[in-house]
Amino acid sequence: MNYHWNLSYLSTQLPVILEGLLGTLRLSVVCLLGGLIIGTLVGAARSQGGPVLRAVGTAYVEFFRNIPALVQVFWCFYALPVLLGTESDRFLSATLAISLYSGAYFAEIVRSGIQSIEKGQWEAGRAIGMSYLRILRFIVFPQVFKRILPALTNQGIDVIKLTTLASTIAYAELLYQAKLISDVEFRPIETYTTIGGIFIAVLIIFSLLSARLERRMARSE
């Protein structure tokens, strides 16, 4: 089969691609923040909380980690608005689903990081009269973040890739915009290859920024 590549049409579709890129970046940032906040709270509860908090945290992790992310996106978009009596919002639905799903994985990373801190440091903090929250803030979390940064980076990459699930509910991210272009131009090979290249560039930049932060934190020790 002789296929003739033609990328010239992409110049006319640049605004559509840029809209998709901005949609992906916007969704990625919000989901990363949401997942990290949820994961930090749940991870701390599972590692240092009482029996009730640990049980609730474990239930959350097992529940959201074992339901496919796509099912959660559909549920948040189609089912949740019916229960709440509200209109469906593509961005909010995708954000909620991906944040809850990724939060379960972030929670396990944070939990393992907290548990890696020696008991002596907790005891030293309590010995000088520090509260539990102050021990977490000033002693534990600064060390934990350095130790788990590589794992957070890997999970962050997964979150960015998960944003493509939002295309299934017609949110204007890269994959959805690629489908629109492909349907108009009838050039799926060039279109999806280009979108794949954009994702590679975004994820490489994300990894480089994380590596730079890791080196800076290592020099500060």
Protein backbone atom coordinates (compact mmCIF):
# COMPACT_ATOMS: atom_id res chain seq x y z
CA MET A 1 0.00 0.00 0.00
CA ASN A 2 1.45 3.34 -1.08
CA TYR A 3 0.26 6.05 1.28
CA HIS A 4 1.12 9.66 0.51
CA TRP A 5 1.61 11.74 3.63
CA ASN A 6 0.18 15.23 3.52
CA LEU A 7 0.59 17.56 6.49
CA SER A 8 -0.24 20.80 4.71
CA TYR A 9 -3.85 20.78 5.91
CA LEU A 10 -2.69 21.03 9.53
CA SER A 11 -1.87 24.73 9.09
CA THR A 12 -5.56 25.47 8.56
CA GLN A 13 -6.48 23.35 11.58
CA LEU A 14 -3.95 24.94 13.92
CA PRO A 15 -6.59 26.86 15.94
CA VAL A 16 -8.47 23.61 16.54
CA ILE A 17 -5.29 21.87 17.70
CA LEU A 18 -4.34 24.77 19.98
CA GLU A 19 -7.81 24.73 21.52
CA GLY A 20 -7.35 21.03 22.24
CA LEU A 21 -3.89 21.59 23.71
CA LEU A 22 -5.19 24.31 26.03
CA GLY A 23 -8.07 22.05 27.04
CA THR A 24 -5.66 19.22 27.83
CA LEU A 25 -3.31 21.46 29.82
CA ARG A 26 -6.18 23.02 31.76
CA LEU A 27 -7.67 19.65 32.64
CA SER A 28 -4.25 18.20 33.49
CA VAL A 29 -3.33 20.98 35.92
CA VAL A 30 -6.66 20.87 37.77
CA CYS A 31 -6.67 17.06 37.96
CA LEU A 32 -3.07 16.96 39.17
CA LEU A 33 -3.84 19.43 41.93
CA GLY A 34 -7.07 17.68 42.83
CA GLY A 35 -5.47 14.25 42.87
CA LEU A 36 -2.52 15.46 44.95
CA ILE A 37 -4.74 17.15 47.54
CA ILE A 38 -6.98 14.11 47.85
CA GLY A 39 -4.02 11.75 47.88
CA THR A 40 -2.19 13.73 50.56
CA LEU A 41 -5.22 13.79 52.87
CA VAL A 42 -6.09 10.13 52.35
CA GLY A 43 -2.46 9.01 52.53
CA ALA A 44 -1.96 10.82 55.83
CA ALA A 45 -5.20 9.37 57.19
CA ARG A 46 -4.21 5.83 56.22
CA SER A 47 -0.72 6.05 57.68
CA GLN A 48 -1.28 8.06 60.86
CA GLY A 49 -5.03 8.28 61.47
CA GLY A 50 -7.15 6.35 63.92
CA PRO A 51 -9.02 3.14 63.10
CA VAL A 52 -12.01 4.98 61.60
CA LEU A 53 -9.91 7.26 59.38
CA ARG A 54 -7.78 4.33 58.24
CA ALA A 55 -10.88 2.31 57.37
CA VAL A 56 -12.41 5.21 55.44
CA GLY A 57 -9.14 5.86 53.61
CA THR A 58 -8.72 2.20 52.71
CA ALA A 59 -12.31 2.01 51.46
CA TYR A 60 -11.75 5.07 49.28
CA VAL A 61 -8.55 3.71 47.76
CA GLU A 62 -9.99 0.27 47.05
CA PHE A 63 -13.23 1.68 45.66
CA PHE A 64 -11.84 4.22 43.22
CA ARG A 65 -8.73 2.24 42.25
CA ASN A 66 -10.76 -0.81 41.22
CA ILE A 67 -13.37 0.95 39.09
CA PRO A 68 -12.10 1.73 35.56
CA ALA A 69 -11.44 5.43 35.08
CA LEU A 70 -13.68 5.55 32.00
CA VAL A 71 -16.61 4.18 34.00
CA GLN A 72 -16.05 6.93 36.56
CA VAL A 73 -16.00 9.59 33.84
CA PHE A 74 -19.30 8.30 32.45
CA TRP A 75 -20.85 8.09 35.91
CA CYS A 76 -19.85 11.65 36.80
CA PHE A 77 -21.16 12.97 33.47
CA TYR A 78 -24.35 10.95 32.99
CA ALA A 79 -25.42 9.68 36.43
CA LEU A 80 -24.29 12.27 38.99
CA PRO A 81 -26.18 15.21 37.42
CA VAL A 82 -29.38 13.14 37.49
CA LEU A 83 -28.93 12.45 41.20
CA LEU A 84 -28.14 16.10 41.94
CA GLY A 85 -30.73 17.55 39.58
CA THR A 86 -28.14 19.67 37.76
CA GLU A 87 -26.91 20.09 34.19
CA SER A 88 -23.97 18.00 33.01
CA ASP A 89 -20.68 19.88 32.75
CA ARG A 90 -17.97 18.21 30.70
CA PHE A 91 -15.01 19.86 32.38
CA LEU A 92 -16.28 19.40 35.93
CA SER A 93 -17.28 15.79 35.28
CA ALA A 94 -13.89 14.89 33.82
CA THR A 95 -12.07 16.78 36.59
CA LEU A 96 -14.02 15.06 39.37
CA ALA A 97 -13.64 11.57 37.90
CA ILE A 98 -9.93 11.79 37.10
CA SER A 99 -9.09 13.53 40.39
CA LEU A 100 -10.88 10.89 42.45
CA TYR A 101 -9.34 8.06 40.43
CA SER A 102 -5.79 9.41 40.52
CA GLY A 103 -6.19 10.46 44.16
CA ALA A 104 -6.35 6.79 45.13
CA TYR A 105 -2.93 6.20 43.56
CA PHE A 106 -1.44 9.41 44.95
CA ALA A 107 -2.69 8.32 48.39
CA GLU A 108 -0.67 5.11 48.26
CA ILE A 109 2.44 7.02 47.22
CA VAL A 110 2.01 9.51 50.07
CA ARG A 111 1.24 6.75 52.56
CA SER A 112 4.42 4.85 51.70
CA GLY A 113 6.42 8.06 51.94
CA ILE A 114 5.08 8.92 55.39
CA GLN A 115 5.73 5.40 56.62
CA SER A 116 9.35 5.68 55.48
CA ILE A 117 10.00 8.41 58.05
CA GLU A 118 11.76 7.03 61.11
CA LYS A 119 9.69 6.88 64.32
CA GLY A 120 12.42 8.77 66.13
CA GLN A 121 11.59 11.92 64.19
CA TRP A 122 7.94 11.74 65.22
CA GLU A 123 9.00 11.22 68.83
CA ALA A 124 11.44 14.13 68.67
CA GLY A 125 8.71 16.42 67.40
CA ARG A 126 6.34 15.41 70.16
CA ALA A 127 9.12 15.76 72.74
CA ILE A 128 9.53 19.47 71.96
CA GLY A 129 5.79 20.06 72.16
CA MET A 130 4.88 20.11 68.46
CA SER A 131 1.35 19.17 67.48
CA TYR A 132 0.64 16.36 65.03
CA LEU A 133 -0.12 18.78 62.21
CA ARG A 134 3.05 20.79 62.85
CA ILE A 135 5.13 17.61 62.83
CA LEU A 136 3.60 16.71 59.47
CA ARG A 137 4.13 20.19 58.05
CA PHE A 138 7.65 20.98 59.26
CA ILE A 139 9.31 17.59 59.74
CA VAL A 140 7.55 14.86 57.79
CA PHE A 141 6.22 16.34 54.55
CA PRO A 142 9.45 18.15 53.49
CA GLN A 143 11.29 14.81 53.65
CA VAL A 144 8.42 12.80 52.21
CA PHE A 145 8.12 15.03 49.15
CA LYS A 146 11.78 14.55 48.28
CA ARG A 147 11.50 10.78 48.61
CA ILE A 148 8.32 10.34 46.60
CA LEU A 149 8.91 12.92 43.86
CA PRO A 150 9.91 10.30 41.22
CA ALA A 151 6.77 8.27 41.98
CA LEU A 152 4.66 11.44 41.89
CA THR A 153 6.14 12.26 38.49
CA ASN A 154 5.20 8.86 37.09
CA GLN A 155 1.68 9.17 38.44
CA GLY A 156 1.46 12.71 37.09
CA ILE A 157 2.30 11.41 33.62
CA ASP A 158 -0.51 8.89 33.95
CA VAL A 159 -2.91 11.68 34.94
CA ILE A 160 -2.03 13.71 31.86
CA LYS A 161 -2.65 10.68 29.66
CA LEU A 162 -5.93 9.99 31.46
CA THR A 163 -7.25 13.35 30.27
CA THR A 164 -7.87 11.74 26.87
CA LEU A 165 -10.83 9.96 28.48
CA ALA A 166 -12.60 13.32 28.50
CA SER A 167 -12.91 12.99 24.72
CA THR A 168 -15.62 10.37 25.30
CA ILE A 169 -17.90 13.06 26.76
CA ALA A 170 -17.02 15.59 24.04
CA TYR A 171 -14.72 17.77 26.12
CA ALA A 172 -12.47 19.75 23.79
CA GLU A 173 -9.08 18.25 24.62
CA LEU A 174 -6.46 17.04 22.15
CA LEU A 175 -7.94 13.65 21.29
CA TYR A 176 -11.45 15.01 20.79
CA GLN A 177 -10.15 17.82 18.57
CA ALA A 178 -8.15 15.26 16.59
CA LYS A 179 -11.34 13.32 15.92
CA LEU A 180 -13.05 16.49 14.67
CA ILE A 181 -10.14 17.23 12.33
CA SER A 182 -9.97 13.63 11.10
CA ASP A 183 -13.70 13.59 10.33
CA VAL A 184 -13.35 16.74 8.23
CA GLU A 185 -10.02 16.15 6.51
CA PHE A 186 -10.15 12.33 6.22
CA ARG A 187 -6.50 12.18 7.28
CA PRO A 188 -6.48 10.02 10.43
CA ILE A 189 -2.85 8.90 10.11
CA GLU A 190 -1.39 12.40 9.97
CA THR A 191 -3.84 13.79 12.51
CA TYR A 192 -3.40 11.18 15.23
CA THR A 193 0.35 10.98 14.65
CA THR A 194 0.56 14.74 15.18
CA ILE A 195 -1.51 14.53 18.35
CA GLY A 196 0.72 11.71 19.60
CA GLY A 197 3.76 13.88 18.97
CA ILE A 198 2.22 16.74 20.94
CA PHE A 199 1.59 14.42 23.89
CA ILE A 200 5.19 13.21 23.74
CA ALA A 201 6.41 16.82 23.84
CA VAL A 202 4.13 17.73 26.76
CA LEU A 203 5.17 14.70 28.80
CA ILE A 204 8.88 15.20 28.11
CA ILE A 205 8.60 18.81 29.29
CA PHE A 206 6.73 17.65 32.40
CA SER A 207 9.42 15.05 33.14
CA LEU A 208 12.24 17.56 32.62
CA LEU A 209 10.62 20.07 34.97
CA SER A 210 10.21 17.36 37.59
CA ALA A 211 13.84 16.25 37.18
CA ARG A 212 14.99 19.86 37.54
CA LEU A 213 12.96 20.23 40.74
CA GLU A 214 14.44 16.99 42.06
CA ARG A 215 17.99 18.20 41.40
CA ARG A 216 17.28 21.54 43.06
CA MET A 217 15.89 19.83 46.14
CA ALA A 218 18.91 17.52 46.27
CA ARG A 219 21.29 20.53 46.21
CA SER A 220 19.36 22.19 49.04
CA GLU A 221 20.12 19.32 51.44
